[in-house]
């Protein structure tokens, strides 16, 4: 992640098809670190089984100490259905490129 100074915001480059149609490979998004997730939010997560891998997924529900998250593209996503609850690191609020706008 590239720093934007002391702000809690980060730009991220999306990689892979797991969030199609909401996000596509090579979209650029704006993430609020430590943002409070709610069901249906798009979030940046990490799994205990894969601590080196960060993923963008959709928050579905709280699950124990973490969140059950799923990709919008169920055919191209590895998510909580296989890996269990995830730790939410931040909430994706905006797509910056190619079609700027707030994410829902």
PDB file of N, CA and C in Angstrom:
ATOM      1  N   UNK A   1       0.843  -1.167   0.000  1.00  0.00           N
ATOM      2  CA  UNK A   1       0.000   0.000   0.000  1.00  0.00           C
ATOM      3  C   UNK A   1       0.889   1.231   0.000  1.00  0.00           C
ATOM      4  N   UNK A   2       0.492   2.218  -0.763  1.00  0.00           N
ATOM      5  CA  UNK A   2       1.221   3.463  -0.841  1.00  0.00           C
ATOM      6  C   UNK A   2       0.684   4.448   0.170  1.00  0.00           C
ATOM      7  N   UNK A   3       1.566   5.097   0.886  1.00  0.00           N
ATOM      8  CA  UNK A   3       1.139   6.036   1.916  1.00  0.00           C
ATOM      9  C   UNK A   3       0.651   7.341   1.313  1.00  0.00           C
ATOM     10  N   UNK A   4      -0.370   7.908   1.918  1.00  0.00           N
ATOM     11  CA  UNK A   4      -0.869   9.230   1.550  1.00  0.00           C
ATOM     12  C   UNK A   4      -0.595  10.189   2.704  1.00  0.00           C
ATOM     13  N   UNK A   5       0.586  10.088   3.281  1.00  0.00           N
ATOM     14  CA  UNK A   5       0.915  10.913   4.428  1.00  0.00           C
ATOM     15  C   UNK A   5       0.342  10.328   5.700  1.00  0.00           C
ATOM     16  N   UNK A   6      -0.104  11.212   6.585  1.00  0.00           N
ATOM     17  CA  UNK A   6      -0.615  10.754   7.875  1.00  0.00           C
ATOM     18  C   UNK A   6      -2.096  10.421   7.825  1.00  0.00           C
ATOM     19  N   UNK A   7      -2.718  10.624   6.718  1.00  0.00           N
ATOM     20  CA  UNK A   7      -4.140  10.308   6.595  1.00  0.00           C
ATOM     21  C   UNK A   7      -4.363   8.809   6.714  1.00  0.00           C
ATOM     22  N   UNK A   8      -5.523   8.405   7.209  1.00  0.00           N
ATOM     23  CA  UNK A   8      -5.824   6.976   7.323  1.00  0.00           C
ATOM     24  C   UNK A   8      -6.335   6.389   6.000  1.00  0.00           C
ATOM     25  N   UNK A   9      -6.098   7.082   4.901  1.00  0.00           N
ATOM     26  CA  UNK A   9      -6.566   6.641   3.589  1.00  0.00           C
ATOM     27  C   UNK A   9      -5.413   6.072   2.783  1.00  0.00           C
ATOM     28  N   UNK A  10      -5.695   5.040   1.985  1.00  0.00           N
ATOM     29  CA  UNK A  10      -4.683   4.432   1.120  1.00  0.00           C
ATOM     30  C   UNK A  10      -5.295   4.143  -0.241  1.00  0.00           C
ATOM     31  N   UNK A  11      -4.492   4.296  -1.276  1.00  0.00           N
ATOM     32  CA  UNK A  11      -4.905   3.875  -2.616  1.00  0.00           C
ATOM     33  C   UNK A  11      -4.469   2.434  -2.804  1.00  0.00           C
ATOM     34  N   UNK A  12      -5.318   1.647  -3.447  1.00  0.00           N
ATOM     35  CA  UNK A  12      -5.001   0.247  -3.722  1.00  0.00           C
ATOM     36  C   UNK A  12      -5.308  -0.075  -5.172  1.00  0.00           C
ATOM     37  N   UNK A  13      -4.495  -0.934  -5.752  1.00  0.00           N
ATOM     38  CA  UNK A  13      -4.730  -1.462  -7.093  1.00  0.00           C
ATOM     39  C   UNK A  13      -5.376  -2.826  -6.936  1.00  0.00           C
ATOM     40  N   UNK A  14      -6.548  -2.997  -7.513  1.00  0.00           N
ATOM     41  CA  UNK A  14      -7.269  -4.269  -7.438  1.00  0.00           C
ATOM     42  C   UNK A  14      -6.625  -5.261  -8.400  1.00  0.00           C
ATOM     43  N   UNK A  15      -6.420  -6.480  -7.925  1.00  0.00           N
ATOM     44  CA  UNK A  15      -5.861  -7.549  -8.765  1.00  0.00           C
ATOM     45  C   UNK A  15      -6.801  -8.741  -8.727  1.00  0.00           C
ATOM     46  N   UNK A  16      -7.151  -9.260  -9.897  1.00  0.00           N
ATOM     47  CA  UNK A  16      -7.958 -10.466  -9.976  1.00  0.00           C
ATOM     48  C   UNK A  16      -9.442 -10.206 -10.174  1.00  0.00           C
ATOM     49  N   UNK A  17     -10.182 -11.302 -10.450  1.00  0.00           N
ATOM     50  CA  UNK A  17     -11.600 -11.208 -10.818  1.00  0.00           C
ATOM     51  C   UNK A  17     -12.595 -11.433  -9.675  1.00  0.00           C
ATOM     52  N   UNK A  18     -12.159 -11.560  -8.432  1.00  0.00           N
ATOM     53  CA  UNK A  18     -13.074 -12.012  -7.380  1.00  0.00           C
ATOM     54  C   UNK A  18     -14.202 -11.032  -7.050  1.00  0.00           C
ATOM     55  N   UNK A  19     -14.061  -9.756  -7.394  1.00  0.00           N
ATOM     56  CA  UNK A  19     -15.105  -8.777  -7.051  1.00  0.00           C
ATOM     57  C   UNK A  19     -15.882  -8.271  -8.262  1.00  0.00           C
ATOM     58  N   UNK A  20     -15.743  -8.931  -9.404  1.00  0.00           N
ATOM     59  CA  UNK A  20     -16.527  -8.559 -10.593  1.00  0.00           C
ATOM     60  C   UNK A  20     -17.987  -8.868 -10.296  1.00  0.00           C
ATOM     61  N   UNK A  21     -18.931  -8.003 -10.586  1.00  0.00           N
ATOM     62  CA  UNK A  21     -18.855  -6.806 -11.409  1.00  0.00           C
ATOM     63  C   UNK A  21     -18.574  -5.512 -10.648  1.00  0.00           C
ATOM     64  N   UNK A  22     -18.542  -5.545  -9.305  1.00  0.00           N
ATOM     65  CA  UNK A  22     -18.335  -4.317  -8.531  1.00  0.00           C
ATOM     66  C   UNK A  22     -16.979  -3.695  -8.824  1.00  0.00           C
ATOM     67  N   UNK A  23     -15.920  -4.513  -8.781  1.00  0.00           N
ATOM     68  CA  UNK A  23     -14.558  -4.062  -9.071  1.00  0.00           C
ATOM     69  C   UNK A  23     -13.931  -5.025 -10.063  1.00  0.00           C
ATOM     70  N   UNK A  24     -13.076  -4.488 -10.902  1.00  0.00           N
ATOM     71  CA  UNK A  24     -12.393  -5.302 -11.913  1.00  0.00           C
ATOM     72  C   UNK A  24     -10.887  -5.217 -11.724  1.00  0.00           C
ATOM     73  N   UNK A  25     -10.188  -6.185 -12.301  1.00  0.00           N
ATOM     74  CA  UNK A  25      -8.734  -6.196 -12.270  1.00  0.00           C
ATOM     75  C   UNK A  25      -8.207  -4.854 -12.774  1.00  0.00           C
ATOM     76  N   UNK A  26      -7.315  -4.246 -12.026  1.00  0.00           N
ATOM     77  CA  UNK A  26      -6.629  -2.985 -12.340  1.00  0.00           C
ATOM     78  C   UNK A  26      -7.429  -1.736 -11.967  1.00  0.00           C
ATOM     79  N   UNK A  27      -8.609  -1.877 -11.333  1.00  0.00           N
ATOM     80  CA  UNK A  27      -9.288  -0.711 -10.781  1.00  0.00           C
ATOM     81  C   UNK A  27      -8.427  -0.150  -9.647  1.00  0.00           C
ATOM     82  N   UNK A  28      -8.528   1.144  -9.419  1.00  0.00           N
ATOM     83  CA  UNK A  28      -7.843   1.786  -8.297  1.00  0.00           C
ATOM     84  C   UNK A  28      -8.919   2.268  -7.329  1.00  0.00           C
ATOM     85  N   UNK A  29      -8.756   1.903  -6.055  1.00  0.00           N
ATOM     86  CA  UNK A  29      -9.758   2.233  -5.045  1.00  0.00           C
ATOM     87  C   UNK A  29      -9.121   3.001  -3.889  1.00  0.00           C
ATOM     88  N   UNK A  30      -9.974   3.630  -3.094  1.00  0.00           N
ATOM     89  CA  UNK A  30      -9.540   4.357  -1.909  1.00  0.00           C
ATOM     90  C   UNK A  30     -10.052   3.621  -0.682  1.00  0.00           C
ATOM     91  N   UNK A  31      -9.137   3.293   0.212  1.00  0.00           N
ATOM     92  CA  UNK A  31      -9.414   2.480   1.394  1.00  0.00           C
ATOM     93  C   UNK A  31      -9.258   3.319   2.650  1.00  0.00           C
ATOM     94  N   UNK A  32     -10.186   3.169   3.577  1.00  0.00           N
ATOM     95  CA  UNK A  32     -10.062   3.795   4.900  1.00  0.00           C
ATOM     96  C   UNK A  32      -9.549   2.728   5.860  1.00  0.00           C
ATOM     97  N   UNK A  33      -8.298   2.872   6.309  1.00  0.00           N
ATOM     98  CA  UNK A  33      -7.729   1.925   7.264  1.00  0.00           C
ATOM     99  C   UNK A  33      -8.495   1.968   8.571  1.00  0.00           C
ATOM    100  N   UNK A  34      -8.647   0.817   9.174  1.00  0.00           N
ATOM    101  CA  UNK A  34      -9.335   0.676  10.446  1.00  0.00           C
ATOM    102  C   UNK A  34     -10.758   1.232  10.418  1.00  0.00           C
ATOM    103  N   UNK A  35     -11.314   1.363   9.232  1.00  0.00           N
ATOM    104  CA  UNK A  35     -12.714   1.780   9.132  1.00  0.00           C
ATOM    105  C   UNK A  35     -13.606   0.703   9.705  1.00  0.00           C
ATOM    106  N   UNK A  36     -14.710   1.079  10.290  1.00  0.00           N
ATOM    107  CA  UNK A  36     -15.614   0.104  10.897  1.00  0.00           C
ATOM    108  C   UNK A  36     -16.488  -0.521   9.823  1.00  0.00           C
ATOM    109  N   UNK A  37     -16.354  -1.827   9.669  1.00  0.00           N
ATOM    110  CA  UNK A  37     -17.094  -2.553   8.631  1.00  0.00           C
ATOM    111  C   UNK A  37     -18.521  -2.822   9.070  1.00  0.00           C
ATOM    112  N   UNK A  38     -19.393  -2.834   8.074  1.00  0.00           N
ATOM    113  CA  UNK A  38     -20.791  -3.223   8.259  1.00  0.00           C
ATOM    114  C   UNK A  38     -21.119  -4.231   7.166  1.00  0.00           C
ATOM    115  N   UNK A  39     -22.136  -5.057   7.381  1.00  0.00           N
ATOM    116  CA  UNK A  39     -22.531  -5.983   6.317  1.00  0.00           C
ATOM    117  C   UNK A  39     -22.772  -5.231   5.012  1.00  0.00           C
ATOM    118  N   UNK A  40     -22.326  -5.805   3.918  1.00  0.00           N
ATOM    119  CA  UNK A  40     -22.417  -5.296   2.536  1.00  0.00           C
ATOM    120  C   UNK A  40     -21.270  -4.352   2.162  1.00  0.00           C
ATOM    121  N   UNK A  41     -20.417  -3.942   3.117  1.00  0.00           N
ATOM    122  CA  UNK A  41     -19.266  -3.100   2.776  1.00  0.00           C
ATOM    123  C   UNK A  41     -18.244  -3.911   1.990  1.00  0.00           C
ATOM    124  N   UNK A  42     -17.500  -3.229   1.132  1.00  0.00           N
ATOM    125  CA  UNK A  42     -16.345  -3.820   0.459  1.00  0.00           C
ATOM    126  C   UNK A  42     -15.150  -3.558   1.377  1.00  0.00           C
ATOM    127  N   UNK A  43     -14.406  -4.618   1.702  1.00  0.00           N
ATOM    128  CA  UNK A  43     -13.367  -4.510   2.724  1.00  0.00           C
ATOM    129  C   UNK A  43     -12.046  -5.136   2.267  1.00  0.00           C
ATOM    130  N   UNK A  44     -10.962  -4.677   2.882  1.00  0.00           N
ATOM    131  CA  UNK A  44      -9.650  -5.289   2.712  1.00  0.00           C
ATOM    132  C   UNK A  44      -9.449  -6.238   3.875  1.00  0.00           C
ATOM    133  N   UNK A  45      -9.103  -7.491   3.578  1.00  0.00           N
ATOM    134  CA  UNK A  45      -8.993  -8.510   4.624  1.00  0.00           C
ATOM    135  C   UNK A  45      -7.694  -9.295   4.527  1.00  0.00           C
ATOM    136  N   UNK A  46      -7.446 -10.021   5.639  1.00  0.00           N
ATOM    137  CA  UNK A  46      -6.325 -10.964   5.720  1.00  0.00           C
ATOM    138  C   UNK A  46      -6.829 -12.172   6.498  1.00  0.00           C
ATOM    139  N   UNK A  47      -6.381 -13.348   6.098  1.00  0.00           N
ATOM    140  CA  UNK A  47      -6.728 -14.587   6.796  1.00  0.00           C
ATOM    141  C   UNK A  47      -5.538 -15.091   7.588  1.00  0.00           C
ATOM    142  N   UNK A  48      -5.815 -15.705   8.740  1.00  0.00           N
ATOM    143  CA  UNK A  48      -4.745 -16.273   9.570  1.00  0.00           C
ATOM    144  C   UNK A  48      -3.961 -17.332   8.804  1.00  0.00           C
ATOM    145  N   UNK A  49      -4.647 -18.106   7.929  1.00  0.00           N
ATOM    146  CA  UNK A  49      -3.984 -19.169   7.165  1.00  0.00           C
ATOM    147  C   UNK A  49      -3.084 -18.607   6.058  1.00  0.00           C
ATOM    148  N   UNK A  50      -3.324 -17.359   5.651  1.00  0.00           N
ATOM    149  CA  UNK A  50      -2.555 -16.717   4.576  1.00  0.00           C
ATOM    150  C   UNK A  50      -2.188 -15.285   4.986  1.00  0.00           C
ATOM    151  N   UNK A  51      -1.371 -15.120   6.019  1.00  0.00           N
ATOM    152  CA  UNK A  51      -1.108 -13.780   6.540  1.00  0.00           C
ATOM    153  C   UNK A  51      -0.409 -12.845   5.562  1.00  0.00           C
ATOM    154  N   UNK A  52       0.243 -13.386   4.559  1.00  0.00           N
ATOM    155  CA  UNK A  52       0.948 -12.546   3.581  1.00  0.00           C
ATOM    156  C   UNK A  52       0.031 -12.068   2.456  1.00  0.00           C
ATOM    157  N   UNK A  53      -1.177 -12.605   2.376  1.00  0.00           N
ATOM    158  CA  UNK A  53      -2.107 -12.274   1.294  1.00  0.00           C
ATOM    159  C   UNK A  53      -3.181 -11.311   1.771  1.00  0.00           C
ATOM    160  N   UNK A  54      -3.325 -10.190   1.060  1.00  0.00           N
ATOM    161  CA  UNK A  54      -4.412  -9.254   1.313  1.00  0.00           C
ATOM    162  C   UNK A  54      -5.430  -9.417   0.201  1.00  0.00           C
ATOM    163  N   UNK A  55      -6.715  -9.332   0.537  1.00  0.00           N
ATOM    164  CA  UNK A  55      -7.777  -9.517  -0.443  1.00  0.00           C
ATOM    165  C   UNK A  55      -8.868  -8.483  -0.233  1.00  0.00           C
ATOM    166  N   UNK A  56      -9.534  -8.130  -1.329  1.00  0.00           N
ATOM    167  CA  UNK A  56     -10.700  -7.266  -1.253  1.00  0.00           C
ATOM    168  C   UNK A  56     -11.927  -8.141  -1.448  1.00  0.00           C
ATOM    169  N   UNK A  57     -12.850  -8.072  -0.481  1.00  0.00           N
ATOM    170  CA  UNK A  57     -14.053  -8.907  -0.489  1.00  0.00           C
ATOM    171  C   UNK A  57     -15.235  -8.098   0.032  1.00  0.00           C
ATOM    172  N   UNK A  58     -16.413  -8.718   0.039  1.00  0.00           N
ATOM    173  CA  UNK A  58     -17.606  -8.084   0.580  1.00  0.00           C
ATOM    174  C   UNK A  58     -17.890  -8.674   1.967  1.00  0.00           C
ATOM    175  N   UNK A  59     -18.058  -7.797   2.964  1.00  0.00           N
ATOM    176  CA  UNK A  59     -18.406  -8.245   4.315  1.00  0.00           C
ATOM    177  C   UNK A  59     -19.841  -8.766   4.305  1.00  0.00           C
ATOM    178  N   UNK A  60     -20.035  -9.968   4.829  1.00  0.00           N
ATOM    179  CA  UNK A  60     -21.363 -10.578   4.878  1.00  0.00           C
ATOM    180  C   UNK A  60     -21.928 -10.496   6.297  1.00  0.00           C
ATOM    181  N   UNK A  61     -21.151 -10.986   7.261  1.00  0.00           N
ATOM    182  CA  UNK A  61     -21.614 -10.973   8.659  1.00  0.00           C
ATOM    183  C   UNK A  61     -20.411 -11.194   9.584  1.00  0.00           C
ATOM    184  N   UNK A  62     -20.578 -10.763  10.827  1.00  0.00           N
ATOM    185  CA  UNK A  62     -19.559 -11.061  11.843  1.00  0.00           C
ATOM    186  C   UNK A  62     -19.554 -12.568  12.078  1.00  0.00           C
ATOM    187  N   UNK A  63     -18.358 -13.093  12.304  1.00  0.00           N
ATOM    188  CA  UNK A  63     -18.210 -14.537  12.505  1.00  0.00           C
ATOM    189  C   UNK A  63     -17.145 -14.744  13.577  1.00  0.00           C
ATOM    190  N   UNK A  64     -17.589 -14.926  14.812  1.00  0.00           N
ATOM    191  CA  UNK A  64     -16.632 -15.063  15.911  1.00  0.00           C
ATOM    192  C   UNK A  64     -15.854 -13.763  16.081  1.00  0.00           C
ATOM    193  N   UNK A  65     -14.534 -13.862  16.069  1.00  0.00           N
ATOM    194  CA  UNK A  65     -13.688 -12.682  16.205  1.00  0.00           C
ATOM    195  C   UNK A  65     -13.380 -12.002  14.893  1.00  0.00           C
ATOM    196  N   UNK A  66     -13.934 -12.491  13.790  1.00  0.00           N
ATOM    197  CA  UNK A  66     -13.653 -11.912  12.476  1.00  0.00           C
ATOM    198  C   UNK A  66     -14.924 -11.682  11.682  1.00  0.00           C
ATOM    199  N   UNK A  67     -14.761 -11.703  10.371  1.00  0.00           N
ATOM    200  CA  UNK A  67     -15.892 -11.486   9.457  1.00  0.00           C
ATOM    201  C   UNK A  67     -15.962 -12.614   8.437  1.00  0.00           C
ATOM    202  N   UNK A  68     -17.182 -13.020   8.124  1.00  0.00           N
ATOM    203  CA  UNK A  68     -17.401 -13.896   6.973  1.00  0.00           C
ATOM    204  C   UNK A  68     -17.475 -12.960   5.776  1.00  0.00           C
ATOM    205  N   UNK A  69     -16.561 -13.156   4.816  1.00  0.00           N
ATOM    206  CA  UNK A  69     -16.495 -12.306   3.623  1.00  0.00           C
ATOM    207  C   UNK A  69     -16.564 -13.182   2.384  1.00  0.00           C
ATOM    208  N   UNK A  70     -17.114 -12.624   1.315  1.00  0.00           N
ATOM    209  CA  UNK A  70     -17.219 -13.352   0.051  1.00  0.00           C
ATOM    210  C   UNK A  70     -16.924 -12.401  -1.093  1.00  0.00           C
ATOM    211  N   UNK A  71     -16.396 -12.965  -2.176  1.00  0.00           N
ATOM    212  CA  UNK A  71     -16.229 -12.199  -3.397  1.00  0.00           C
ATOM    213  C   UNK A  71     -17.561 -12.084  -4.121  1.00  0.00           C
ATOM    214  N   UNK A  72     -17.761 -10.990  -4.855  1.00  0.00           N
ATOM    215  CA  UNK A  72     -19.000 -10.832  -5.620  1.00  0.00           C
ATOM    216  C   UNK A  72     -19.082 -11.839  -6.759  1.00  0.00           C
ATOM    217  N   UNK A  73     -17.935 -12.309  -7.236  1.00  0.00           N
ATOM    218  CA  UNK A  73     -17.864 -13.302  -8.306  1.00  0.00           C
ATOM    219  C   UNK A  73     -17.634 -14.667  -7.661  1.00  0.00           C
ATOM    220  N   UNK A  74     -18.709 -15.380  -7.375  1.00  0.00           N
ATOM    221  CA  UNK A  74     -18.570 -16.653  -6.657  1.00  0.00           C
ATOM    222  C   UNK A  74     -17.788 -17.708  -7.436  1.00  0.00           C
ATOM    223  N   UNK A  75     -17.672 -17.552  -8.767  1.00  0.00           N
ATOM    224  CA  UNK A  75     -16.920 -18.518  -9.573  1.00  0.00           C
ATOM    225  C   UNK A  75     -15.425 -18.217  -9.592  1.00  0.00           C
ATOM    226  N   UNK A  76     -15.032 -17.012  -9.173  1.00  0.00           N
ATOM    227  CA  UNK A  76     -13.620 -16.640  -9.229  1.00  0.00           C
ATOM    228  C   UNK A  76     -13.100 -16.086  -7.924  1.00  0.00           C
ATOM    229  N   UNK A  77     -13.603 -16.597  -6.796  1.00  0.00           N
ATOM    230  CA  UNK A  77     -13.207 -16.043  -5.508  1.00  0.00           C
ATOM    231  C   UNK A  77     -12.869 -17.144  -4.516  1.00  0.00           C
ATOM    232  N   UNK A  78     -11.740 -16.968  -3.837  1.00  0.00           N
ATOM    233  CA  UNK A  78     -11.410 -17.777  -2.673  1.00  0.00           C
ATOM    234  C   UNK A  78     -11.689 -16.871  -1.485  1.00  0.00           C
ATOM    235  N   UNK A  79     -12.547 -17.317  -0.584  1.00  0.00           N
ATOM    236  CA  UNK A  79     -13.003 -16.426   0.481  1.00  0.00           C
ATOM    237  C   UNK A  79     -13.341 -17.227   1.734  1.00  0.00           C
ATOM    238  N   UNK A  80     -14.182 -16.676   2.594  1.00  0.00           N
ATOM    239  CA  UNK A  80     -14.506 -17.333   3.868  1.00  0.00           C
ATOM    240  C   UNK A  80     -15.183 -18.684   3.703  1.00  0.00           C
ATOM    241  N   UNK A  81     -15.765 -18.936   2.544  1.00  0.00           N
ATOM    242  CA  UNK A  81     -16.378 -20.252   2.318  1.00  0.00           C
ATOM    243  C   UNK A  81     -15.323 -21.352   2.369  1.00  0.00           C
ATOM    244  N   UNK A  82     -14.079 -21.011   2.012  1.00  0.00           N
ATOM    245  CA  UNK A  82     -12.978 -21.982   2.068  1.00  0.00           C
ATOM    246  C   UNK A  82     -12.024 -21.722   3.222  1.00  0.00           C
ATOM    247  N   UNK A  83     -11.805 -20.431   3.561  1.00  0.00           N
ATOM    248  CA  UNK A  83     -10.749 -20.066   4.499  1.00  0.00           C
ATOM    249  C   UNK A  83     -11.241 -19.668   5.887  1.00  0.00           C
ATOM    250  N   UNK A  84     -12.546 -19.602   6.088  1.00  0.00           N
ATOM    251  CA  UNK A  84     -13.078 -19.214   7.393  1.00  0.00           C
ATOM    252  C   UNK A  84     -13.077 -17.701   7.585  1.00  0.00           C
ATOM    253  N   UNK A  85     -13.296 -17.263   8.817  1.00  0.00           N
ATOM    254  CA  UNK A  85     -13.392 -15.826   9.096  1.00  0.00           C
ATOM    255  C   UNK A  85     -12.095 -15.093   8.758  1.00  0.00           C
ATOM    256  N   UNK A  86     -12.261 -13.827   8.362  1.00  0.00           N
ATOM    257  CA  UNK A  86     -11.126 -12.989   7.997  1.00  0.00           C
ATOM    258  C   UNK A  86     -11.043 -11.788   8.931  1.00  0.00           C
ATOM    259  N   UNK A  87      -9.845 -11.247   9.041  1.00  0.00           N
ATOM    260  CA  UNK A  87      -9.620 -10.006   9.788  1.00  0.00           C
ATOM    261  C   UNK A  87      -9.816  -8.838   8.822  1.00  0.00           C
ATOM    262  N   UNK A  88     -10.687  -7.908   9.155  1.00  0.00           N
ATOM    263  CA  UNK A  88     -10.905  -6.725   8.319  1.00  0.00           C
ATOM    264  C   UNK A  88      -9.874  -5.668   8.689  1.00  0.00           C
ATOM    265  N   UNK A  89      -9.123  -5.203   7.677  1.00  0.00           N
ATOM    266  CA  UNK A  89      -8.089  -4.193   7.882  1.00  0.00           C
ATOM    267  C   UNK A  89      -8.569  -2.792   7.544  1.00  0.00           C
ATOM    268  N   UNK A  90      -9.585  -2.705   6.697  1.00  0.00           N
ATOM    269  CA  UNK A  90     -10.101  -1.407   6.303  1.00  0.00           C
ATOM    270  C   UNK A  90     -11.303  -1.568   5.387  1.00  0.00           C
ATOM    271  N   UNK A  91     -11.952  -0.430   5.117  1.00  0.00           N
ATOM    272  CA  UNK A  91     -13.155  -0.418   4.293  1.00  0.00           C
ATOM    273  C   UNK A  91     -12.885   0.385   3.022  1.00  0.00           C
ATOM    274  N   UNK A  92     -13.205  -0.216   1.872  1.00  0.00           N
ATOM    275  CA  UNK A  92     -13.046   0.453   0.583  1.00  0.00           C
ATOM    276  C   UNK A  92     -14.266   1.348   0.385  1.00  0.00           C
ATOM    277  N   UNK A  93     -14.026   2.644   0.200  1.00  0.00           N
ATOM    278  CA  UNK A  93     -15.135   3.600   0.100  1.00  0.00           C
ATOM    279  C   UNK A  93     -15.365   4.123  -1.312  1.00  0.00           C
ATOM    280  N   UNK A  94     -14.293   4.248  -2.112  1.00  0.00           N
ATOM    281  CA  UNK A  94     -14.410   4.881  -3.430  1.00  0.00           C
ATOM    282  C   UNK A  94     -13.603   4.136  -4.479  1.00  0.00           C
ATOM    283  N   UNK A  95     -14.094   4.104  -5.690  1.00  0.00           N
ATOM    284  CA  UNK A  95     -13.290   3.711  -6.855  1.00  0.00           C
ATOM    285  C   UNK A  95     -12.747   5.019  -7.410  1.00  0.00           C
ATOM    286  N   UNK A  96     -11.444   5.086  -7.613  1.00  0.00           N
ATOM    287  CA  UNK A  96     -10.809   6.285  -8.157  1.00  0.00           C
ATOM    288  C   UNK A  96     -10.648   6.204  -9.663  1.00  0.00           C
ATOM    289  N   UNK A  97     -10.434   4.984 -10.169  1.00  0.00           N
ATOM    290  CA  UNK A  97     -10.196   4.789 -11.609  1.00  0.00           C
ATOM    291  C   UNK A  97     -10.651   3.392 -12.002  1.00  0.00           C
ATOM    292  N   UNK A  98     -11.262   3.166 -13.104  1.00  0.00           N
ATOM    293  CA  UNK A  98     -11.518   4.065 -14.221  1.00  0.00           C
ATOM    294  C   UNK A  98     -12.837   4.830 -14.126  1.00  0.00           C
ATOM    295  N   UNK A  99     -13.772   4.402 -13.328  1.00  0.00           N
ATOM    296  CA  UNK A  99     -15.084   5.074 -13.202  1.00  0.00           C
ATOM    297  C   UNK A  99     -15.246   5.564 -11.767  1.00  0.00           C
ATOM    298  N   UNK A 100     -14.761   6.769 -11.460  1.00  0.00           N
ATOM    299  CA  UNK A 100     -14.802   7.242 -10.084  1.00  0.00           C
ATOM    300  C   UNK A 100     -16.217   7.245  -9.513  1.00  0.00           C
ATOM    301  N   UNK A 101     -16.301   6.865  -8.243  1.00  0.00           N
ATOM    302  CA  UNK A 101     -17.590   6.893  -7.571  1.00  0.00           C
ATOM    303  C   UNK A 101     -17.545   6.147  -6.260  1.00  0.00           C
ATOM    304  N   UNK A 102     -18.519   6.404  -5.416  1.00  0.00           N
ATOM    305  CA  UNK A 102     -18.632   5.739  -4.124  1.00  0.00           C
ATOM    306  C   UNK A 102     -19.075   4.297  -4.335  1.00  0.00           C
ATOM    307  N   UNK A 103     -18.482   3.391  -3.554  1.00  0.00           N
ATOM    308  CA  UNK A 103     -18.849   1.975  -3.644  1.00  0.00           C
ATOM    309  C   UNK A 103     -20.008   1.677  -2.721  1.00  0.00           C
ATOM    310  N   UNK A 104     -20.879   0.835  -3.173  1.00  0.00           N
ATOM    311  CA  UNK A 104     -22.030   0.384  -2.386  1.00  0.00           C
ATOM    312  C   UNK A 104     -21.993  -1.108  -2.257  1.00  0.00           C
TER     313      UNK A 104
END
